[in-house]
Amino acid sequence: MIGLAALLLLRPPRLWDTLVQRPDLVDGVIEETLRYATVLQFGLLRVAREPLTVAGQDIRPGDRVVLHLPSANRDPDRFTRPDRFDPHRPDADRHLSFGHGPHHCLGEQLARIELRILLTTMLRRFPDLRLATDPETIPTHDQRVVHGVAELPVDFS
């Protein structure tokens, strides 16, 4: 998630510069990064306990259903312009990156704290941080359970 956050901030239009000037926006950036760049790429398997209908599809008790977190976090019925990274998104914290209900991730707050500490430290120590290569050429782990950058070449003054 740290690599993805840095990539999203350093690629055009260089939101990194905005964040250097406005570090108070870090929490919004973290929530939008968690929503936009969901790292868990697999579906969460559940078994329906009661009948329900989702998008016209009847689901019976005992049916297996899968929640695909990246799709849920890009749902246009929930988020306006969901395929756009918007660090000012007012409802970014409504993402499902940490699950929901009794299956909610216990490490949620730790992940946010780690991202906040790392990003604010990087902003302070490396305000001139920049990508050392074309953002389109940065390799990612797209075919794994956990999505992320394989490497992130950067440069700083």
N, C-alpha and C. Protein backbone atom coordinates (compact mmCIF):
# COMPACT_ATOMS: atom_id res chain seq x y z
N MET A 1 0.82 -1.19 0.00
CA MET A 1 0.00 0.00 0.00
C MET A 1 0.87 1.26 0.00
N ILE A 2 2.00 1.19 0.67
CA ILE A 2 2.90 2.35 0.72
C ILE A 2 3.41 2.69 -0.68
N GLY A 3 3.84 1.68 -1.42
CA GLY A 3 4.31 1.91 -2.78
C GLY A 3 3.22 2.44 -3.69
N LEU A 4 2.01 1.89 -3.55
CA LEU A 4 0.88 2.37 -4.36
C LEU A 4 0.54 3.81 -4.02
N ALA A 5 0.56 4.15 -2.74
CA ALA A 5 0.27 5.53 -2.33
C ALA A 5 1.30 6.48 -2.93
N ALA A 6 2.58 6.12 -2.84
CA ALA A 6 3.63 6.98 -3.40
C ALA A 6 3.46 7.13 -4.90
N LEU A 7 3.18 6.04 -5.60
CA LEU A 7 2.98 6.10 -7.04
C LEU A 7 1.81 7.01 -7.40
N LEU A 8 0.70 6.86 -6.71
CA LEU A 8 -0.47 7.70 -7.00
C LEU A 8 -0.18 9.18 -6.77
N LEU A 9 0.64 9.47 -5.79
CA LEU A 9 0.95 10.86 -5.47
C LEU A 9 2.03 11.46 -6.37
N LEU A 10 2.93 10.62 -6.90
CA LEU A 10 4.04 11.12 -7.71
C LEU A 10 3.75 11.17 -9.20
N ARG A 11 2.80 10.39 -9.65
CA ARG A 11 2.49 10.43 -11.08
C ARG A 11 1.74 11.74 -11.39
N PRO A 12 1.67 12.12 -12.65
CA PRO A 12 0.92 13.33 -12.98
C PRO A 12 -0.53 13.21 -12.50
N PRO A 13 -1.06 14.23 -11.90
CA PRO A 13 -0.62 15.63 -11.83
C PRO A 13 0.22 15.98 -10.60
N ARG A 14 1.01 15.08 -10.09
CA ARG A 14 1.92 15.29 -8.96
C ARG A 14 1.20 15.86 -7.74
N LEU A 15 0.36 15.07 -7.18
CA LEU A 15 -0.33 15.46 -5.95
C LEU A 15 0.65 15.54 -4.77
N TRP A 16 1.83 14.96 -4.95
CA TRP A 16 2.87 15.02 -3.92
C TRP A 16 3.14 16.49 -3.54
N ASP A 17 3.27 17.36 -4.55
CA ASP A 17 3.56 18.76 -4.29
C ASP A 17 2.47 19.42 -3.46
N THR A 18 1.23 19.10 -3.76
CA THR A 18 0.11 19.62 -2.98
C THR A 18 0.20 19.15 -1.54
N LEU A 19 0.52 17.88 -1.36
CA LEU A 19 0.59 17.31 -0.02
C LEU A 19 1.76 17.88 0.78
N VAL A 20 2.86 18.19 0.11
CA VAL A 20 3.99 18.84 0.81
C VAL A 20 3.53 20.16 1.40
N GLN A 21 2.73 20.90 0.64
CA GLN A 21 2.23 22.20 1.11
C GLN A 21 1.07 22.05 2.09
N ARG A 22 0.31 20.96 1.96
CA ARG A 22 -0.89 20.76 2.79
C ARG A 22 -0.88 19.37 3.42
N PRO A 23 0.02 19.11 4.38
CA PRO A 23 0.09 17.79 5.00
C PRO A 23 -1.18 17.43 5.78
N ASP A 24 -2.03 18.40 6.03
CA ASP A 24 -3.31 18.11 6.70
C ASP A 24 -4.23 17.27 5.82
N LEU A 25 -3.90 17.13 4.55
CA LEU A 25 -4.71 16.33 3.62
C LEU A 25 -4.32 14.85 3.63
N VAL A 26 -3.33 14.48 4.43
CA VAL A 26 -2.81 13.11 4.41
C VAL A 26 -3.90 12.09 4.72
N ASP A 27 -4.73 12.33 5.71
CA ASP A 27 -5.76 11.33 6.06
C ASP A 27 -6.72 11.08 4.91
N GLY A 28 -7.11 12.13 4.19
CA GLY A 28 -7.97 11.95 3.02
C GLY A 28 -7.27 11.17 1.92
N VAL A 29 -5.99 11.44 1.74
CA VAL A 29 -5.20 10.71 0.74
C VAL A 29 -5.13 9.24 1.10
N ILE A 30 -4.94 8.95 2.38
CA ILE A 30 -4.86 7.56 2.83
C ILE A 30 -6.17 6.84 2.53
N GLU A 31 -7.30 7.43 2.90
CA GLU A 31 -8.60 6.78 2.66
C GLU A 31 -8.85 6.58 1.17
N GLU A 32 -8.54 7.59 0.36
CA GLU A 32 -8.76 7.46 -1.07
C GLU A 32 -7.82 6.43 -1.68
N THR A 33 -6.60 6.34 -1.19
CA THR A 33 -5.67 5.32 -1.67
C THR A 33 -6.18 3.93 -1.33
N LEU A 34 -6.67 3.76 -0.11
CA LEU A 34 -7.22 2.46 0.30
C LEU A 34 -8.42 2.08 -0.58
N ARG A 35 -9.25 3.06 -0.93
CA ARG A 35 -10.41 2.80 -1.78
C ARG A 35 -9.99 2.51 -3.22
N TYR A 36 -9.18 3.39 -3.77
CA TYR A 36 -8.83 3.35 -5.19
C TYR A 36 -7.90 2.20 -5.54
N ALA A 37 -6.94 1.91 -4.66
CA ALA A 37 -5.91 0.92 -4.94
C ALA A 37 -6.02 -0.25 -3.98
N THR A 38 -7.17 -0.83 -3.88
CA THR A 38 -7.41 -1.95 -2.97
C THR A 38 -6.35 -3.03 -3.18
N VAL A 39 -5.63 -3.39 -2.12
CA VAL A 39 -4.53 -4.32 -2.29
C VAL A 39 -4.97 -5.78 -2.34
N LEU A 40 -6.04 -6.13 -1.67
CA LEU A 40 -6.51 -7.52 -1.72
C LEU A 40 -7.29 -7.72 -3.01
N GLN A 41 -6.79 -8.59 -3.86
CA GLN A 41 -7.37 -8.78 -5.19
C GLN A 41 -8.24 -10.02 -5.31
N PHE A 42 -8.42 -10.74 -4.23
CA PHE A 42 -9.23 -11.94 -4.31
C PHE A 42 -10.61 -11.66 -3.73
N GLY A 43 -11.55 -12.53 -4.04
CA GLY A 43 -12.89 -12.38 -3.51
C GLY A 43 -13.03 -13.04 -2.16
N LEU A 44 -13.86 -12.46 -1.34
CA LEU A 44 -14.13 -13.04 -0.02
C LEU A 44 -15.33 -13.97 -0.16
N LEU A 45 -15.10 -15.25 0.08
CA LEU A 45 -16.15 -16.25 -0.06
C LEU A 45 -17.03 -16.26 1.18
N ARG A 46 -18.33 -16.21 0.98
CA ARG A 46 -19.30 -16.29 2.06
C ARG A 46 -20.42 -17.24 1.64
N VAL A 47 -21.16 -17.73 2.62
CA VAL A 47 -22.31 -18.59 2.36
C VAL A 47 -23.55 -17.85 2.88
N ALA A 48 -24.53 -17.70 2.00
CA ALA A 48 -25.75 -16.98 2.38
C ALA A 48 -26.51 -17.75 3.46
N ARG A 49 -26.97 -17.02 4.46
CA ARG A 49 -27.75 -17.65 5.55
C ARG A 49 -29.25 -17.45 5.36
N GLU A 50 -29.60 -16.49 4.54
CA GLU A 50 -31.02 -16.23 4.30
C GLU A 50 -31.21 -15.80 2.85
N PRO A 51 -32.40 -15.91 2.33
CA PRO A 51 -32.62 -15.53 0.93
C PRO A 51 -32.52 -14.01 0.75
N LEU A 52 -31.97 -13.62 -0.38
CA LEU A 52 -31.92 -12.20 -0.72
C LEU A 52 -31.76 -12.08 -2.22
N THR A 53 -31.96 -10.87 -2.71
CA THR A 53 -31.80 -10.58 -4.12
C THR A 53 -30.83 -9.42 -4.26
N VAL A 54 -29.80 -9.61 -5.09
CA VAL A 54 -28.80 -8.58 -5.34
C VAL A 54 -28.75 -8.34 -6.83
N ALA A 55 -29.04 -7.10 -7.24
CA ALA A 55 -29.01 -6.71 -8.65
C ALA A 55 -29.83 -7.67 -9.50
N GLY A 56 -30.99 -8.07 -9.01
CA GLY A 56 -31.88 -8.94 -9.74
C GLY A 56 -31.54 -10.42 -9.67
N GLN A 57 -30.48 -10.77 -8.98
CA GLN A 57 -30.04 -12.16 -8.84
C GLN A 57 -30.52 -12.72 -7.51
N ASP A 58 -31.34 -13.77 -7.56
CA ASP A 58 -31.81 -14.40 -6.33
C ASP A 58 -30.70 -15.25 -5.72
N ILE A 59 -30.53 -15.12 -4.43
CA ILE A 59 -29.53 -15.90 -3.69
C ILE A 59 -30.28 -16.66 -2.60
N ARG A 60 -30.08 -17.97 -2.57
CA ARG A 60 -30.78 -18.83 -1.62
C ARG A 60 -29.87 -19.16 -0.44
N PRO A 61 -30.44 -19.50 0.69
CA PRO A 61 -29.60 -19.94 1.81
C PRO A 61 -28.72 -21.12 1.38
N GLY A 62 -27.46 -21.06 1.75
CA GLY A 62 -26.51 -22.10 1.36
C GLY A 62 -25.74 -21.76 0.10
N ASP A 63 -26.22 -20.80 -0.71
CA ASP A 63 -25.48 -20.40 -1.91
C ASP A 63 -24.18 -19.73 -1.51
N ARG A 64 -23.15 -19.98 -2.29
CA ARG A 64 -21.87 -19.31 -2.07
C ARG A 64 -21.87 -18.00 -2.84
N VAL A 65 -21.39 -16.98 -2.18
CA VAL A 65 -21.28 -15.66 -2.82
C VAL A 65 -19.86 -15.15 -2.58
N VAL A 66 -19.41 -14.32 -3.48
CA VAL A 66 -18.06 -13.76 -3.39
C VAL A 66 -18.16 -12.24 -3.44
N LEU A 67 -17.52 -11.60 -2.50
CA LEU A 67 -17.41 -10.14 -2.50
C LEU A 67 -16.04 -9.80 -3.04
N HIS A 68 -16.00 -9.11 -4.17
CA HIS A 68 -14.73 -8.70 -4.77
C HIS A 68 -14.47 -7.26 -4.34
N LEU A 69 -13.54 -7.06 -3.39
CA LEU A 69 -13.30 -5.76 -2.79
C LEU A 69 -12.94 -4.67 -3.79
N PRO A 70 -12.05 -4.91 -4.76
CA PRO A 70 -11.76 -3.84 -5.71
C PRO A 70 -13.00 -3.37 -6.48
N SER A 71 -13.87 -4.30 -6.83
CA SER A 71 -15.11 -3.92 -7.53
C SER A 71 -16.04 -3.13 -6.62
N ALA A 72 -16.14 -3.57 -5.38
CA ALA A 72 -17.00 -2.85 -4.42
C ALA A 72 -16.50 -1.43 -4.20
N ASN A 73 -15.19 -1.27 -4.17
CA ASN A 73 -14.62 0.06 -3.95
C ASN A 73 -14.67 0.96 -5.17
N ARG A 74 -15.07 0.40 -6.31
CA ARG A 74 -15.22 1.18 -7.54
C ARG A 74 -16.68 1.20 -8.00
N ASP A 75 -17.59 0.90 -7.09
CA ASP A 75 -19.02 0.84 -7.41
C ASP A 75 -19.56 2.24 -7.70
N PRO A 76 -20.03 2.49 -8.93
CA PRO A 76 -20.55 3.82 -9.27
C PRO A 76 -21.83 4.18 -8.53
N ASP A 77 -22.52 3.19 -7.97
CA ASP A 77 -23.70 3.50 -7.16
C ASP A 77 -23.32 4.00 -5.77
N ARG A 78 -22.08 3.79 -5.40
CA ARG A 78 -21.61 4.21 -4.08
C ARG A 78 -20.67 5.42 -4.15
N PHE A 79 -19.84 5.48 -5.21
CA PHE A 79 -18.85 6.54 -5.34
C PHE A 79 -19.01 7.27 -6.67
N THR A 80 -19.02 8.58 -6.63
CA THR A 80 -19.06 9.39 -7.83
C THR A 80 -17.72 9.29 -8.54
N ARG A 81 -17.76 9.05 -9.85
CA ARG A 81 -16.54 8.91 -10.65
C ARG A 81 -15.54 7.98 -9.95
N PRO A 82 -15.92 6.73 -9.73
CA PRO A 82 -15.11 5.81 -8.92
C PRO A 82 -13.76 5.44 -9.49
N ASP A 83 -13.56 5.60 -10.80
CA ASP A 83 -12.28 5.24 -11.41
C ASP A 83 -11.29 6.41 -11.43
N ARG A 84 -11.65 7.47 -10.75
CA ARG A 84 -10.78 8.65 -10.65
C ARG A 84 -10.21 8.71 -9.24
N PHE A 85 -8.89 8.89 -9.12
CA PHE A 85 -8.25 9.07 -7.82
C PHE A 85 -8.46 10.51 -7.39
N ASP A 86 -9.23 10.70 -6.32
CA ASP A 86 -9.58 12.03 -5.85
C ASP A 86 -9.30 12.13 -4.35
N PRO A 87 -8.17 12.71 -3.97
CA PRO A 87 -7.84 12.79 -2.55
C PRO A 87 -8.76 13.70 -1.75
N HIS A 88 -9.63 14.43 -2.44
CA HIS A 88 -10.61 15.29 -1.76
C HIS A 88 -11.98 14.63 -1.67
N ARG A 89 -12.08 13.37 -2.06
CA ARG A 89 -13.36 12.66 -2.05
C ARG A 89 -13.92 12.65 -0.63
N PRO A 90 -15.11 13.19 -0.43
CA PRO A 90 -15.64 13.29 0.94
C PRO A 90 -16.06 11.96 1.56
N ASP A 91 -16.37 10.98 0.73
CA ASP A 91 -16.87 9.71 1.25
C ASP A 91 -15.88 8.56 1.02
N ALA A 92 -14.61 8.86 0.81
CA ALA A 92 -13.61 7.82 0.54
C ALA A 92 -13.53 6.81 1.67
N ASP A 93 -13.82 7.24 2.88
CA ASP A 93 -13.72 6.32 4.03
C ASP A 93 -14.85 5.29 4.07
N ARG A 94 -15.73 5.31 3.10
CA ARG A 94 -16.80 4.31 3.02
C ARG A 94 -16.36 3.06 2.24
N HIS A 95 -15.06 2.98 1.96
CA HIS A 95 -14.53 1.83 1.23
C HIS A 95 -14.65 0.55 2.07
N LEU A 96 -14.46 -0.57 1.39
CA LEU A 96 -14.54 -1.88 2.05
C LEU A 96 -13.18 -2.60 2.06
N SER A 97 -12.11 -1.84 1.96
CA SER A 97 -10.78 -2.45 1.87
C SER A 97 -10.42 -3.31 3.07
N PHE A 98 -11.01 -3.02 4.21
CA PHE A 98 -10.75 -3.81 5.42
C PHE A 98 -11.91 -4.75 5.75
N GLY A 99 -12.80 -4.96 4.79
CA GLY A 99 -13.95 -5.81 5.04
C GLY A 99 -15.07 -5.04 5.71
N HIS A 100 -16.01 -5.80 6.29
CA HIS A 100 -17.18 -5.17 6.90
C HIS A 100 -17.77 -6.13 7.93
N GLY A 101 -18.40 -5.59 8.93
CA GLY A 101 -19.11 -6.40 9.91
C GLY A 101 -18.17 -7.27 10.73
N PRO A 102 -18.61 -8.48 11.05
CA PRO A 102 -17.80 -9.34 11.92
C PRO A 102 -16.48 -9.79 11.29
N HIS A 103 -16.33 -9.59 9.99
CA HIS A 103 -15.10 -9.98 9.30
C HIS A 103 -14.20 -8.79 9.03
N HIS A 104 -14.46 -7.69 9.72
CA HIS A 104 -13.66 -6.48 9.56
C HIS A 104 -12.24 -6.71 10.06
N CYS A 105 -11.25 -6.23 9.35
CA CYS A 105 -9.84 -6.44 9.68
C CYS A 105 -9.47 -5.76 10.99
N LEU A 106 -8.89 -6.52 11.91
CA LEU A 106 -8.46 -5.97 13.18
C LEU A 106 -7.28 -5.03 13.04
N GLY A 107 -6.51 -5.17 11.97
CA GLY A 107 -5.33 -4.34 11.76
C GLY A 107 -5.61 -3.02 11.07
N GLU A 108 -6.87 -2.71 10.87
CA GLU A 108 -7.25 -1.50 10.12
C GLU A 108 -6.58 -0.24 10.66
N GLN A 109 -6.67 0.00 11.95
CA GLN A 109 -6.10 1.23 12.50
C GLN A 109 -4.57 1.22 12.44
N LEU A 110 -3.97 0.07 12.63
CA LEU A 110 -2.51 -0.03 12.53
C LEU A 110 -2.06 0.33 11.11
N ALA A 111 -2.77 -0.17 10.12
CA ALA A 111 -2.42 0.14 8.73
C ALA A 111 -2.50 1.64 8.47
N ARG A 112 -3.54 2.27 8.96
CA ARG A 112 -3.69 3.72 8.77
C ARG A 112 -2.57 4.48 9.49
N ILE A 113 -2.25 4.08 10.70
CA ILE A 113 -1.18 4.74 11.45
C ILE A 113 0.15 4.59 10.72
N GLU A 114 0.44 3.39 10.23
CA GLU A 114 1.69 3.17 9.50
C GLU A 114 1.76 4.04 8.25
N LEU A 115 0.66 4.10 7.50
CA LEU A 115 0.63 4.94 6.30
C LEU A 115 0.80 6.41 6.66
N ARG A 116 0.13 6.87 7.70
CA ARG A 116 0.21 8.27 8.11
C ARG A 116 1.65 8.63 8.53
N ILE A 117 2.26 7.79 9.36
CA ILE A 117 3.63 8.07 9.81
C ILE A 117 4.59 8.07 8.63
N LEU A 118 4.50 7.07 7.79
CA LEU A 118 5.42 6.99 6.67
C LEU A 118 5.23 8.14 5.69
N LEU A 119 4.00 8.42 5.30
CA LEU A 119 3.78 9.50 4.34
C LEU A 119 4.20 10.86 4.89
N THR A 120 3.83 11.16 6.12
CA THR A 120 4.20 12.47 6.68
C THR A 120 5.72 12.59 6.83
N THR A 121 6.39 11.50 7.18
CA THR A 121 7.86 11.52 7.28
C THR A 121 8.49 11.71 5.90
N MET A 122 7.98 11.00 4.91
CA MET A 122 8.51 11.14 3.55
C MET A 122 8.28 12.55 3.02
N LEU A 123 7.11 13.12 3.28
CA LEU A 123 6.82 14.48 2.81
C LEU A 123 7.78 15.49 3.42
N ARG A 124 8.09 15.30 4.69
CA ARG A 124 8.98 16.22 5.39
C ARG A 124 10.44 16.04 4.94
N ARG A 125 10.88 14.78 4.81
CA ARG A 125 12.29 14.51 4.51
C ARG A 125 12.62 14.57 3.02
N PHE A 126 11.63 14.28 2.17
CA PHE A 126 11.88 14.23 0.73
C PHE A 126 10.83 15.05 -0.04
N PRO A 127 10.74 16.35 0.22
CA PRO A 127 9.71 17.15 -0.46
C PRO A 127 9.88 17.17 -1.98
N ASP A 128 11.09 16.94 -2.47
CA ASP A 128 11.35 16.96 -3.91
C ASP A 128 11.33 15.56 -4.52
N LEU A 129 10.78 14.60 -3.83
CA LEU A 129 10.71 13.23 -4.33
C LEU A 129 10.02 13.21 -5.69
N ARG A 130 10.55 12.42 -6.59
CA ARG A 130 9.94 12.32 -7.93
C ARG A 130 10.21 10.92 -8.49
N LEU A 131 9.39 10.53 -9.43
CA LEU A 131 9.59 9.25 -10.10
C LEU A 131 10.83 9.34 -10.98
N ALA A 132 11.59 8.27 -11.01
CA ALA A 132 12.81 8.22 -11.83
C ALA A 132 12.55 7.53 -13.16
N THR A 133 11.29 7.24 -13.44
CA THR A 133 10.93 6.57 -14.68
C THR A 133 9.50 6.93 -15.04
N ASP A 134 9.10 6.60 -16.23
CA ASP A 134 7.72 6.82 -16.68
C ASP A 134 6.78 5.99 -15.81
N PRO A 135 5.74 6.60 -15.23
CA PRO A 135 4.83 5.85 -14.36
C PRO A 135 4.14 4.68 -15.06
N GLU A 136 4.02 4.75 -16.38
CA GLU A 136 3.38 3.67 -17.12
C GLU A 136 4.25 2.41 -17.20
N THR A 137 5.55 2.56 -16.90
CA THR A 137 6.46 1.42 -17.01
C THR A 137 6.74 0.76 -15.66
N ILE A 138 6.16 1.27 -14.60
CA ILE A 138 6.42 0.71 -13.27
C ILE A 138 5.71 -0.64 -13.14
N PRO A 139 6.48 -1.69 -12.86
CA PRO A 139 5.87 -3.02 -12.76
C PRO A 139 5.06 -3.19 -11.47
N THR A 140 3.94 -3.87 -11.61
CA THR A 140 3.09 -4.14 -10.45
C THR A 140 2.86 -5.64 -10.31
N HIS A 141 2.44 -6.02 -9.13
CA HIS A 141 2.07 -7.41 -8.85
C HIS A 141 0.57 -7.55 -9.13
N ASP A 142 0.20 -7.60 -10.38
CA ASP A 142 -1.22 -7.67 -10.76
C ASP A 142 -1.81 -9.07 -10.62
N GLN A 143 -0.99 -10.08 -10.72
CA GLN A 143 -1.50 -11.45 -10.74
C GLN A 143 -1.34 -12.16 -9.40
N ARG A 144 -1.22 -11.42 -8.35
CA ARG A 144 -1.08 -12.00 -7.01
C ARG A 144 -2.30 -11.69 -6.18
N VAL A 145 -2.39 -12.32 -5.05
CA VAL A 145 -3.49 -12.06 -4.12
C VAL A 145 -3.41 -10.63 -3.62
N VAL A 146 -2.19 -10.14 -3.37
CA VAL A 146 -1.99 -8.78 -2.88
C VAL A 146 -1.40 -7.94 -4.01
N HIS A 147 -2.12 -6.90 -4.40
CA HIS A 147 -1.70 -6.00 -5.47
C HIS A 147 -0.72 -4.97 -4.92
N GLY A 148 0.28 -4.60 -5.70
CA GLY A 148 1.22 -3.57 -5.30
C GLY A 148 2.26 -3.35 -6.37
N VAL A 149 3.15 -2.40 -6.11
CA VAL A 149 4.23 -2.16 -7.07
C VAL A 149 5.37 -3.14 -6.79
N ALA A 150 5.97 -3.63 -7.85
CA ALA A 150 7.10 -4.56 -7.71
C ALA A 150 8.37 -3.78 -7.38
N GLU A 151 8.47 -2.58 -7.92
CA GLU A 151 9.57 -1.67 -7.62
C GLU A 151 9.10 -0.27 -7.95
N LEU A 152 9.69 0.71 -7.26
CA LEU A 152 9.29 2.09 -7.47
C LEU A 152 10.55 2.96 -7.51
N PRO A 153 11.14 3.12 -8.71
CA PRO A 153 12.34 3.93 -8.83
C PRO A 153 12.01 5.41 -8.59
N VAL A 154 12.66 6.01 -7.60
CA VAL A 154 12.44 7.41 -7.29
C VAL A 154 13.78 8.13 -7.22
N ASP A 155 13.70 9.44 -7.24
CA ASP A 155 14.87 10.29 -7.15
C ASP A 155 14.50 11.46 -6.25
N PHE A 156 15.51 12.05 -5.61
CA PHE A 156 15.26 13.23 -4.77
C PHE A 156 16.52 14.07 -4.71
N SER A 157 16.33 15.33 -4.44
CA SER A 157 17.49 16.26 -4.37
C SER A 157 18.08 16.25 -2.99
